[in-house]
Each structure stands twice: as C-alpha cells, then as structure tokens.
C-alpha cells in the first residue's frame, strides 16, 4: 500500500515547464477497447526515444540548480465535464528559457507548494498519490491554490530512477501542488 512518507511546504518558482504535451484522460488500458486519447505511458516512451529529454538536458544554462534531478510529469487544465487534462513530460526550467520548436511551455509563477513523498510500489503510488497528498495538505492547515493549480509528478533520480533501475519494488514519487494557507 502506498503511504505518505514526508510532506513539506516550500517556496517555489518562478519557473517554466518545458516538454512535450498531450491532452488525455485517465482511462483503463484495455487493448480490446483502446482509448481515443493518447496515453501518458506512450508520451513518456516517445520522449525517451526521440531525444526530447536530451535536448532539454543540453540547455544547461536554463536548468536551475535548485530544481530536482529527474523528470517531471506536469498536469494542468483539468476539464470536469469530460475528464480530460493537459499532461507535459519535461523539466522545470528557468522562467526566461527559450522554448525549442515542437515543445510546449507553461509559466509557473512564484508560489508555495506542498512537496509530498509518496512511497510504495509503482502500481500503488499513482491511484493513491492525490488522496494522500490532499489529506496531508488539509491536515497542515493549507488548501490547494486553485487559481494557480497544477499537479506535478517528480521522478527524482535518487528516490525513483536509481531504485527502479536497481530492481527495487518500493519507490518514492514526489508530488508538487501549489497551496495557500487555509
């Protein structure tokens, strides 16, 4: 079972999220009835195979040292009516980063974020991360900042990438959500 390992509230930004994006929706992965939307796993596969991340990693002048060493899955623009949202696989970069052709970019203003560590096996983390993070946000006297809302899955090298490559089953996924005092 996934659990909240840690939560802290920190100043964050301003940054720019730069990467490749899709408009998608969380649906079951049924090969008999495939989704009409592109899937998040297929976006990650594309970005690792087509050099998306290599290009961003080579833009070293625009990579802030204070952001995590890893990859980010940035979620925004959730539509309650049809359940779709924008998902960007990429990096947090400096606010003045020039956007390469074919990449999407979103400005992230300076804000306070809840920075949660969700620990568990990968298949347990994703369906439980939102609830665990939101409960902890409220327990600490905060609420989501809906005016500047985004959610970000942060796949740090130390807590997610290296353990996964070494065959560990229990990983830690960081979740970032902008918050304000209750």
N, C-alpha and C. Protein backbone atom coordinates (compact mmCIF):
# COMPACT_ATOMS: atom_id res chain seq x y z
N UNK A 1 0.83 -1.18 0.00
CA UNK A 1 0.00 0.00 0.00
C UNK A 1 0.88 1.24 0.00
N UNK A 2 0.50 2.23 -0.77
CA UNK A 2 1.23 3.49 -0.82
C UNK A 2 0.97 4.28 0.46
N UNK A 3 1.97 5.06 0.87
CA UNK A 3 1.79 5.90 2.05
C UNK A 3 2.55 7.20 1.88
N UNK A 4 2.14 8.19 2.67
CA UNK A 4 2.81 9.48 2.68
C UNK A 4 4.06 9.36 3.54
N UNK A 5 5.20 9.50 2.93
CA UNK A 5 6.48 9.38 3.64
C UNK A 5 6.89 10.71 4.27
N UNK A 6 6.57 11.81 3.57
CA UNK A 6 7.01 13.13 4.02
C UNK A 6 6.19 14.19 3.29
N UNK A 7 5.96 15.31 3.95
CA UNK A 7 5.39 16.48 3.27
C UNK A 7 6.04 17.72 3.85
N UNK A 8 6.33 18.67 2.97
CA UNK A 8 6.84 19.97 3.40
C UNK A 8 6.23 21.03 2.50
N UNK A 9 6.26 22.26 2.99
CA UNK A 9 5.69 23.38 2.27
C UNK A 9 6.81 24.37 2.01
N UNK A 10 7.10 24.60 0.72
CA UNK A 10 8.29 25.37 0.35
C UNK A 10 7.96 26.41 -0.72
N UNK A 11 8.76 27.47 -0.75
CA UNK A 11 8.66 28.46 -1.81
C UNK A 11 9.17 27.84 -3.09
N UNK A 12 8.52 28.18 -4.21
CA UNK A 12 8.84 27.53 -5.48
C UNK A 12 8.66 28.54 -6.61
N UNK A 13 9.59 28.56 -7.53
CA UNK A 13 9.44 29.37 -8.74
C UNK A 13 9.90 30.80 -8.56
N UNK A 14 9.74 31.57 -9.63
CA UNK A 14 9.07 31.24 -10.88
C UNK A 14 9.93 30.35 -11.78
N UNK A 15 9.24 29.51 -12.52
CA UNK A 15 9.87 28.59 -13.47
C UNK A 15 9.04 28.53 -14.73
N UNK A 16 9.54 27.76 -15.67
CA UNK A 16 8.80 27.43 -16.88
C UNK A 16 8.86 25.91 -17.01
N UNK A 17 7.72 25.29 -17.22
CA UNK A 17 7.69 23.86 -17.51
C UNK A 17 7.83 23.73 -19.02
N UNK A 18 8.83 22.98 -19.46
CA UNK A 18 9.09 22.81 -20.89
C UNK A 18 9.14 21.32 -21.19
N UNK A 19 8.43 20.90 -22.22
CA UNK A 19 8.44 19.50 -22.60
C UNK A 19 7.47 19.22 -23.73
N UNK A 20 7.10 17.98 -23.86
CA UNK A 20 6.12 17.55 -24.87
C UNK A 20 4.80 17.31 -24.16
N UNK A 21 3.70 17.70 -24.82
CA UNK A 21 2.40 17.61 -24.16
C UNK A 21 1.40 16.79 -24.95
N UNK A 22 0.41 16.30 -24.20
CA UNK A 22 -0.76 15.64 -24.78
C UNK A 22 -1.99 16.13 -24.02
N UNK A 23 -3.13 16.00 -24.66
CA UNK A 23 -4.42 16.19 -23.99
C UNK A 23 -4.96 14.78 -23.82
N UNK A 24 -5.22 14.38 -22.58
CA UNK A 24 -5.57 12.98 -22.33
C UNK A 24 -6.62 12.87 -21.23
N UNK A 25 -6.88 11.66 -20.86
CA UNK A 25 -7.80 11.37 -19.76
C UNK A 25 -7.40 10.02 -19.20
N UNK A 26 -7.59 9.87 -17.90
CA UNK A 26 -7.24 8.59 -17.28
C UNK A 26 -8.37 7.61 -17.61
N UNK A 27 -8.01 6.58 -18.33
CA UNK A 27 -8.95 5.52 -18.68
C UNK A 27 -8.23 4.20 -18.48
N UNK A 28 -9.00 3.16 -18.32
CA UNK A 28 -8.39 1.84 -18.22
C UNK A 28 -7.67 1.50 -19.51
N UNK A 29 -6.60 0.78 -19.39
CA UNK A 29 -5.84 0.38 -20.57
C UNK A 29 -6.35 -0.98 -21.04
N UNK A 30 -7.34 -0.95 -21.90
CA UNK A 30 -7.97 -2.15 -22.40
C UNK A 30 -7.63 -2.29 -23.88
N UNK A 31 -6.83 -3.31 -24.24
CA UNK A 31 -6.44 -3.46 -25.65
C UNK A 31 -7.62 -3.74 -26.58
N UNK A 32 -8.70 -4.30 -26.04
CA UNK A 32 -9.87 -4.59 -26.87
C UNK A 32 -10.62 -3.30 -27.21
N UNK A 33 -10.69 -2.39 -26.23
CA UNK A 33 -11.35 -1.10 -26.42
C UNK A 33 -10.34 0.01 -26.13
N UNK A 34 -9.42 0.26 -27.05
CA UNK A 34 -8.38 1.26 -26.78
C UNK A 34 -8.97 2.66 -26.61
N UNK A 35 -8.27 3.45 -25.84
CA UNK A 35 -8.69 4.83 -25.59
C UNK A 35 -8.56 5.65 -26.86
N UNK A 36 -9.44 6.61 -27.03
CA UNK A 36 -9.31 7.53 -28.16
C UNK A 36 -8.30 8.64 -27.84
N UNK A 37 -7.79 8.64 -26.61
CA UNK A 37 -6.83 9.65 -26.18
C UNK A 37 -5.42 9.04 -26.14
N UNK A 38 -4.41 9.86 -26.41
CA UNK A 38 -3.04 9.36 -26.24
C UNK A 38 -2.82 9.05 -24.75
N UNK A 39 -1.97 8.07 -24.48
CA UNK A 39 -1.75 7.68 -23.09
C UNK A 39 -0.48 8.32 -22.53
N UNK A 40 -0.47 8.48 -21.22
CA UNK A 40 0.71 9.03 -20.55
C UNK A 40 1.92 8.12 -20.74
N UNK A 41 1.79 6.79 -20.56
CA UNK A 41 2.96 5.94 -20.81
C UNK A 41 3.51 6.07 -22.24
N UNK A 42 2.62 6.24 -23.23
CA UNK A 42 3.12 6.38 -24.60
C UNK A 42 3.86 7.70 -24.79
N UNK A 43 3.43 8.75 -24.09
CA UNK A 43 4.16 10.02 -24.16
C UNK A 43 5.56 9.87 -23.57
N UNK A 44 5.66 9.24 -22.40
CA UNK A 44 6.99 9.04 -21.79
C UNK A 44 7.87 8.20 -22.72
N UNK A 45 7.32 7.16 -23.30
CA UNK A 45 8.10 6.31 -24.21
C UNK A 45 8.61 7.13 -25.38
N UNK A 46 7.75 7.96 -25.95
CA UNK A 46 8.15 8.82 -27.07
C UNK A 46 9.28 9.76 -26.65
N UNK A 47 9.13 10.40 -25.49
CA UNK A 47 10.13 11.39 -25.05
C UNK A 47 11.49 10.77 -24.79
N UNK A 48 11.51 9.54 -24.27
CA UNK A 48 12.79 8.87 -24.04
C UNK A 48 13.41 8.41 -25.36
N UNK A 49 12.59 8.04 -26.34
CA UNK A 49 13.13 7.50 -27.58
C UNK A 49 13.46 8.56 -28.62
N UNK A 50 12.80 9.73 -28.59
CA UNK A 50 13.03 10.72 -29.66
C UNK A 50 14.00 11.84 -29.30
N UNK A 51 14.62 11.78 -28.14
CA UNK A 51 15.60 12.79 -27.76
C UNK A 51 15.02 14.03 -27.09
N UNK A 52 13.73 13.99 -26.74
CA UNK A 52 13.10 15.13 -26.08
C UNK A 52 13.89 15.57 -24.86
N UNK A 53 14.21 14.63 -23.99
CA UNK A 53 14.91 14.97 -22.74
C UNK A 53 16.36 15.35 -22.99
N UNK A 54 16.99 14.72 -23.98
CA UNK A 54 18.39 15.06 -24.30
C UNK A 54 18.51 16.53 -24.67
N UNK A 55 17.60 17.01 -25.50
CA UNK A 55 17.63 18.41 -25.93
C UNK A 55 17.51 19.33 -24.71
N UNK A 56 16.57 19.02 -23.80
CA UNK A 56 16.38 19.85 -22.61
C UNK A 56 17.59 19.78 -21.68
N UNK A 57 18.13 18.60 -21.50
CA UNK A 57 19.30 18.44 -20.63
C UNK A 57 20.50 19.22 -21.16
N UNK A 58 20.60 19.37 -22.47
CA UNK A 58 21.71 20.12 -23.06
C UNK A 58 21.55 21.63 -22.96
N UNK A 59 20.39 22.10 -22.51
CA UNK A 59 20.15 23.53 -22.31
C UNK A 59 20.58 23.91 -20.89
N UNK A 60 21.83 23.58 -20.55
CA UNK A 60 22.31 23.69 -19.17
C UNK A 60 22.21 25.09 -18.58
N UNK A 61 22.33 26.14 -19.40
CA UNK A 61 22.22 27.50 -18.87
C UNK A 61 20.83 27.80 -18.33
N UNK A 62 19.85 27.00 -18.70
CA UNK A 62 18.47 27.25 -18.29
C UNK A 62 17.95 26.23 -17.27
N UNK A 63 18.83 25.34 -16.82
CA UNK A 63 18.43 24.33 -15.84
C UNK A 63 18.76 24.82 -14.44
N UNK A 64 17.77 25.21 -13.64
CA UNK A 64 18.05 25.73 -12.31
C UNK A 64 18.62 24.65 -11.39
N UNK A 65 19.63 25.01 -10.62
CA UNK A 65 20.27 24.02 -9.73
C UNK A 65 19.34 23.61 -8.59
N UNK A 66 18.38 24.49 -8.24
CA UNK A 66 17.51 24.18 -7.10
C UNK A 66 16.32 23.28 -7.46
N UNK A 67 16.14 22.96 -8.73
CA UNK A 67 15.05 22.05 -9.09
C UNK A 67 15.55 20.61 -9.02
N UNK A 68 14.63 19.65 -8.95
CA UNK A 68 15.04 18.26 -8.74
C UNK A 68 15.82 17.68 -9.93
N UNK A 69 16.67 16.72 -9.60
CA UNK A 69 17.41 15.97 -10.61
C UNK A 69 16.51 14.81 -11.03
N UNK A 70 15.81 14.99 -12.13
CA UNK A 70 14.90 13.95 -12.59
C UNK A 70 13.97 14.49 -13.65
N UNK A 71 12.88 13.80 -13.84
CA UNK A 71 11.90 14.15 -14.87
C UNK A 71 10.59 14.54 -14.19
N UNK A 72 9.84 15.41 -14.87
CA UNK A 72 8.57 15.86 -14.30
C UNK A 72 7.41 15.55 -15.25
N UNK A 73 6.32 15.13 -14.66
CA UNK A 73 5.06 14.96 -15.37
C UNK A 73 4.10 16.01 -14.83
N UNK A 74 3.84 17.03 -15.62
CA UNK A 74 3.12 18.23 -15.21
C UNK A 74 1.67 18.15 -15.69
N UNK A 75 0.73 18.31 -14.78
CA UNK A 75 -0.69 18.16 -15.08
C UNK A 75 -1.39 19.48 -14.83
N UNK A 76 -2.21 19.92 -15.80
CA UNK A 76 -2.93 21.19 -15.68
C UNK A 76 -4.20 21.15 -16.52
N UNK A 77 -5.00 22.18 -16.38
CA UNK A 77 -6.20 22.38 -17.22
C UNK A 77 -7.16 21.20 -17.20
N UNK A 78 -7.50 20.73 -16.00
CA UNK A 78 -8.45 19.63 -15.88
C UNK A 78 -9.85 20.11 -16.24
N UNK A 79 -10.52 19.37 -17.11
CA UNK A 79 -11.87 19.68 -17.53
C UNK A 79 -12.83 18.71 -16.83
N UNK A 80 -13.61 19.22 -15.89
CA UNK A 80 -14.52 18.35 -15.12
C UNK A 80 -15.60 17.72 -16.00
N UNK A 81 -15.98 18.39 -17.06
CA UNK A 81 -17.07 17.87 -17.91
C UNK A 81 -16.69 16.59 -18.64
N UNK A 82 -15.50 16.57 -19.21
CA UNK A 82 -15.13 15.37 -19.97
C UNK A 82 -13.97 14.59 -19.35
N UNK A 83 -13.40 15.08 -18.24
CA UNK A 83 -12.34 14.36 -17.55
C UNK A 83 -10.97 14.46 -18.21
N UNK A 84 -10.82 15.35 -19.18
CA UNK A 84 -9.52 15.47 -19.86
C UNK A 84 -8.64 16.50 -19.14
N UNK A 85 -7.35 16.41 -19.40
CA UNK A 85 -6.38 17.34 -18.84
C UNK A 85 -5.16 17.37 -19.75
N UNK A 86 -4.34 18.40 -19.55
CA UNK A 86 -3.08 18.52 -20.28
C UNK A 86 -1.99 17.87 -19.43
N UNK A 87 -1.16 17.06 -20.07
CA UNK A 87 -0.04 16.39 -19.39
C UNK A 87 1.22 16.71 -20.17
N UNK A 88 2.23 17.22 -19.47
CA UNK A 88 3.51 17.56 -20.09
C UNK A 88 4.60 16.71 -19.45
N UNK A 89 5.38 16.01 -20.25
CA UNK A 89 6.57 15.31 -19.78
C UNK A 89 7.76 16.21 -20.10
N UNK A 90 8.45 16.65 -19.06
CA UNK A 90 9.55 17.58 -19.31
C UNK A 90 10.29 17.95 -18.06
N UNK A 91 10.75 19.22 -18.04
CA UNK A 91 11.58 19.72 -16.94
C UNK A 91 11.10 21.09 -16.50
N UNK A 92 11.31 21.38 -15.21
CA UNK A 92 11.21 22.75 -14.73
C UNK A 92 12.48 23.45 -15.16
N UNK A 93 12.33 24.60 -15.81
CA UNK A 93 13.48 25.36 -16.28
C UNK A 93 13.33 26.81 -15.84
N UNK A 94 14.38 27.58 -16.02
CA UNK A 94 14.33 29.00 -15.66
C UNK A 94 13.20 29.69 -16.41
N UNK A 95 12.65 30.73 -15.79
CA UNK A 95 11.49 31.43 -16.36
C UNK A 95 11.77 32.04 -17.73
N UNK A 96 13.04 32.39 -18.01
CA UNK A 96 13.37 33.02 -19.29
C UNK A 96 13.84 32.02 -20.35
N UNK A 97 13.60 30.75 -20.15
CA UNK A 97 14.05 29.71 -21.08
C UNK A 97 13.39 29.88 -22.45
N UNK A 98 14.19 29.90 -23.54
CA UNK A 98 13.59 29.90 -24.87
C UNK A 98 13.01 28.50 -25.14
N UNK A 99 11.87 28.46 -25.77
CA UNK A 99 11.19 27.19 -25.99
C UNK A 99 11.59 26.63 -27.35
N UNK A 100 12.19 25.44 -27.38
CA UNK A 100 12.56 24.85 -28.67
C UNK A 100 11.33 24.55 -29.52
N UNK A 101 11.51 24.57 -30.83
CA UNK A 101 10.42 24.24 -31.75
C UNK A 101 9.86 22.86 -31.42
N UNK A 102 8.54 22.76 -31.43
CA UNK A 102 7.88 21.49 -31.19
C UNK A 102 7.65 21.18 -29.72
N UNK A 103 8.07 22.06 -28.82
CA UNK A 103 7.90 21.85 -27.38
C UNK A 103 6.80 22.77 -26.87
N UNK A 104 6.15 22.35 -25.80
CA UNK A 104 5.16 23.17 -25.10
C UNK A 104 5.84 23.80 -23.89
N UNK A 105 5.31 24.94 -23.45
CA UNK A 105 5.86 25.59 -22.26
C UNK A 105 4.75 26.29 -21.50
N UNK A 106 4.84 26.24 -20.18
CA UNK A 106 3.88 26.90 -19.30
C UNK A 106 4.64 27.63 -18.21
N UNK A 107 4.27 28.88 -18.00
CA UNK A 107 4.88 29.68 -16.94
C UNK A 107 4.30 29.27 -15.60
N UNK A 108 5.16 29.11 -14.62
CA UNK A 108 4.75 28.80 -13.26
C UNK A 108 5.19 29.97 -12.39
N UNK A 109 4.23 30.73 -11.85
CA UNK A 109 4.60 31.88 -11.02
C UNK A 109 5.19 31.43 -9.69
N UNK A 110 5.87 32.34 -9.03
CA UNK A 110 6.36 32.06 -7.68
C UNK A 110 5.17 31.70 -6.81
N UNK A 111 5.30 30.66 -6.02
CA UNK A 111 4.20 30.19 -5.19
C UNK A 111 4.76 29.35 -4.05
N UNK A 112 3.88 28.92 -3.18
CA UNK A 112 4.23 27.93 -2.17
C UNK A 112 3.67 26.60 -2.66
N UNK A 113 4.47 25.56 -2.56
CA UNK A 113 3.98 24.24 -2.96
C UNK A 113 4.02 23.27 -1.78
N UNK A 114 3.10 22.33 -1.82
CA UNK A 114 3.21 21.15 -0.98
C UNK A 114 4.10 20.19 -1.76
N UNK A 115 5.11 19.70 -1.10
CA UNK A 115 6.06 18.78 -1.72
C UNK A 115 5.95 17.47 -0.93
N UNK A 116 5.20 16.52 -1.49
CA UNK A 116 4.93 15.26 -0.79
C UNK A 116 5.76 14.14 -1.37
N UNK A 117 6.18 13.22 -0.52
CA UNK A 117 6.84 12.00 -0.95
C UNK A 117 5.84 10.86 -0.75
N UNK A 118 5.46 10.22 -1.84
CA UNK A 118 4.54 9.09 -1.78
C UNK A 118 5.35 7.82 -2.04
N UNK A 119 5.33 6.93 -1.07
CA UNK A 119 6.15 5.72 -1.11
C UNK A 119 5.28 4.49 -1.31
N UNK A 120 5.76 3.59 -2.15
CA UNK A 120 5.06 2.33 -2.37
C UNK A 120 5.53 1.70 -3.66
N UNK A 121 4.90 0.60 -4.02
CA UNK A 121 5.18 0.01 -5.32
C UNK A 121 4.53 0.91 -6.37
N UNK A 122 5.15 0.98 -7.54
CA UNK A 122 4.70 1.94 -8.56
C UNK A 122 3.21 1.83 -8.85
N UNK A 123 2.69 0.63 -8.98
CA UNK A 123 1.26 0.46 -9.29
C UNK A 123 0.35 0.92 -8.15
N UNK A 124 0.90 1.07 -6.93
CA UNK A 124 0.12 1.56 -5.79
C UNK A 124 0.20 3.08 -5.64
N UNK A 125 1.29 3.64 -6.11
CA UNK A 125 1.52 5.08 -5.92
C UNK A 125 0.50 5.90 -6.71
N UNK A 126 0.37 5.65 -8.01
CA UNK A 126 -0.44 6.51 -8.87
C UNK A 126 -1.90 6.64 -8.42
N UNK A 127 -2.59 5.54 -8.09
CA UNK A 127 -4.00 5.71 -7.71
C UNK A 127 -4.20 6.32 -6.32
N UNK A 128 -3.16 6.40 -5.50
CA UNK A 128 -3.30 6.89 -4.13
C UNK A 128 -2.62 8.22 -3.86
N UNK A 129 -1.79 8.69 -4.77
CA UNK A 129 -0.99 9.89 -4.53
C UNK A 129 -1.84 11.13 -4.28
N UNK A 130 -2.89 11.33 -5.07
CA UNK A 130 -3.73 12.53 -4.90
C UNK A 130 -4.38 12.56 -3.52
N UNK A 131 -5.02 11.47 -3.15
CA UNK A 131 -5.74 11.44 -1.87
C UNK A 131 -4.77 11.62 -0.71
N UNK A 132 -3.65 10.93 -0.71
CA UNK A 132 -2.68 11.05 0.37
C UNK A 132 -2.13 12.47 0.48
N UNK A 133 -1.84 13.08 -0.66
CA UNK A 133 -1.30 14.44 -0.66
C UNK A 133 -2.34 15.45 -0.19
N UNK A 134 -3.55 15.35 -0.72
CA UNK A 134 -4.61 16.30 -0.34
C UNK A 134 -4.95 16.19 1.14
N UNK A 135 -5.01 14.98 1.68
CA UNK A 135 -5.28 14.82 3.11
C UNK A 135 -4.20 15.51 3.94
N UNK A 136 -2.95 15.33 3.56
CA UNK A 136 -1.84 15.94 4.31
C UNK A 136 -1.85 17.46 4.18
N UNK A 137 -2.20 17.96 3.00
CA UNK A 137 -2.28 19.42 2.80
C UNK A 137 -3.29 20.01 3.80
N UNK A 138 -4.47 19.41 3.86
CA UNK A 138 -5.52 19.91 4.75
C UNK A 138 -5.14 19.75 6.23
N UNK A 139 -4.49 18.64 6.57
CA UNK A 139 -4.09 18.40 7.96
C UNK A 139 -3.07 19.43 8.46
N UNK A 140 -2.34 20.04 7.53
CA UNK A 140 -1.33 21.03 7.90
C UNK A 140 -1.84 22.47 7.76
N UNK A 141 -3.16 22.64 7.58
CA UNK A 141 -3.73 23.98 7.54
C UNK A 141 -3.60 24.70 6.21
N UNK A 142 -3.43 23.95 5.14
CA UNK A 142 -3.33 24.52 3.80
C UNK A 142 -4.50 24.03 2.96
N UNK A 143 -4.66 24.65 1.81
CA UNK A 143 -5.60 24.18 0.81
C UNK A 143 -4.96 24.39 -0.55
N UNK A 144 -5.38 23.64 -1.57
CA UNK A 144 -4.82 23.86 -2.90
C UNK A 144 -5.08 25.29 -3.36
N UNK A 145 -4.12 25.85 -4.06
CA UNK A 145 -4.27 27.19 -4.65
C UNK A 145 -4.89 26.98 -6.02
N UNK A 146 -6.23 26.97 -6.06
CA UNK A 146 -6.94 26.64 -7.30
C UNK A 146 -6.70 27.66 -8.40
N UNK A 147 -6.37 28.91 -8.03
CA UNK A 147 -6.11 29.94 -9.04
C UNK A 147 -4.84 29.62 -9.84
N UNK A 148 -3.86 29.04 -9.20
CA UNK A 148 -2.59 28.70 -9.86
C UNK A 148 -2.37 27.19 -9.91
N UNK A 149 -3.45 26.42 -9.92
CA UNK A 149 -3.34 24.98 -9.71
C UNK A 149 -2.62 24.25 -10.84
N UNK A 150 -1.77 23.35 -10.41
CA UNK A 150 -1.18 22.32 -11.24
C UNK A 150 -0.82 21.18 -10.30
N UNK A 151 -0.56 20.05 -10.86
CA UNK A 151 0.00 18.94 -10.08
C UNK A 151 1.20 18.45 -10.86
N UNK A 152 2.22 18.07 -10.15
CA UNK A 152 3.40 17.59 -10.84
C UNK A 152 3.91 16.33 -10.18
N UNK A 153 4.12 15.31 -10.99
CA UNK A 153 4.79 14.09 -10.56
C UNK A 153 6.28 14.32 -10.81
N UNK A 154 7.08 14.17 -9.78
CA UNK A 154 8.51 14.43 -9.92
C UNK A 154 9.26 13.11 -9.69
N UNK A 155 9.86 12.64 -10.76
CA UNK A 155 10.58 11.37 -10.74
C UNK A 155 12.06 11.67 -10.48
N UNK A 156 12.43 11.84 -9.19
CA UNK A 156 13.81 12.17 -8.88
C UNK A 156 14.71 10.97 -9.16
N UNK A 157 15.92 11.27 -9.50
CA UNK A 157 16.89 10.22 -9.76
C UNK A 157 17.15 9.42 -8.48
N UNK A 158 17.31 10.11 -7.36
CA UNK A 158 17.66 9.46 -6.10
C UNK A 158 16.56 8.57 -5.53
N UNK A 159 15.33 9.04 -5.56
CA UNK A 159 14.25 8.32 -4.90
C UNK A 159 13.42 7.44 -5.83
N UNK A 160 13.50 7.69 -7.14
CA UNK A 160 12.68 6.92 -8.08
C UNK A 160 13.54 6.21 -9.14
N UNK A 161 14.33 6.97 -9.89
CA UNK A 161 15.08 6.42 -11.02
C UNK A 161 16.08 5.34 -10.64
N UNK A 162 17.03 5.66 -9.75
CA UNK A 162 18.05 4.68 -9.37
C UNK A 162 17.44 3.45 -8.68
N UNK A 163 16.51 3.63 -7.72
CA UNK A 163 15.91 2.43 -7.11
C UNK A 163 15.18 1.56 -8.13
N UNK A 164 14.48 2.18 -9.07
CA UNK A 164 13.75 1.41 -10.07
C UNK A 164 14.72 0.61 -10.95
N UNK A 165 15.80 1.27 -11.39
CA UNK A 165 16.78 0.57 -12.25
C UNK A 165 17.50 -0.56 -11.52
N UNK A 166 17.62 -0.43 -10.19
CA UNK A 166 18.31 -1.48 -9.42
C UNK A 166 17.36 -2.61 -9.01
N UNK A 167 16.11 -2.54 -9.48
CA UNK A 167 15.16 -3.61 -9.23
C UNK A 167 14.35 -3.49 -7.95
N UNK A 168 14.49 -2.38 -7.24
CA UNK A 168 13.69 -2.20 -6.03
C UNK A 168 12.22 -2.03 -6.40
N UNK A 169 11.36 -2.61 -5.62
CA UNK A 169 9.91 -2.51 -5.88
C UNK A 169 9.32 -1.26 -5.21
N UNK A 170 9.82 -0.90 -4.03
CA UNK A 170 9.29 0.26 -3.30
C UNK A 170 10.06 1.50 -3.75
N UNK A 171 9.31 2.47 -4.28
CA UNK A 171 9.88 3.70 -4.82
C UNK A 171 9.24 4.89 -4.12
N UNK A 172 9.80 6.08 -4.32
CA UNK A 172 9.20 7.30 -3.81
C UNK A 172 9.01 8.26 -4.98
N UNK A 173 7.75 8.67 -5.17
CA UNK A 173 7.39 9.65 -6.18
C UNK A 173 7.08 10.95 -5.46
N UNK A 174 7.70 12.03 -5.87
CA UNK A 174 7.39 13.35 -5.31
C UNK A 174 6.17 13.91 -6.03
N UNK A 175 5.31 14.57 -5.27
CA UNK A 175 4.14 15.24 -5.83
C UNK A 175 4.21 16.71 -5.40
N UNK A 176 4.08 17.62 -6.37
CA UNK A 176 4.06 19.06 -6.10
C UNK A 176 2.68 19.62 -6.42
N UNK A 177 2.13 20.37 -5.49
CA UNK A 177 0.85 21.04 -5.69
C UNK A 177 0.94 22.44 -5.07
N UNK A 178 0.57 23.50 -5.80
CA UNK A 178 0.59 24.82 -5.20
C UNK A 178 -0.50 24.94 -4.12
N UNK A 179 -0.15 25.58 -3.01
CA UNK A 179 -1.07 25.70 -1.88
C UNK A 179 -1.10 27.12 -1.33
N UNK A 180 -2.10 27.36 -0.49
CA UNK A 180 -2.16 28.60 0.27
C UNK A 180 -2.70 28.26 1.65
N UNK A 181 -2.47 29.15 2.60
CA UNK A 181 -2.93 28.92 3.96
C UNK A 181 -4.45 28.85 3.97
N UNK A 182 -4.98 27.94 4.77
CA UNK A 182 -6.42 27.74 4.91
C UNK A 182 -7.10 28.95 5.51
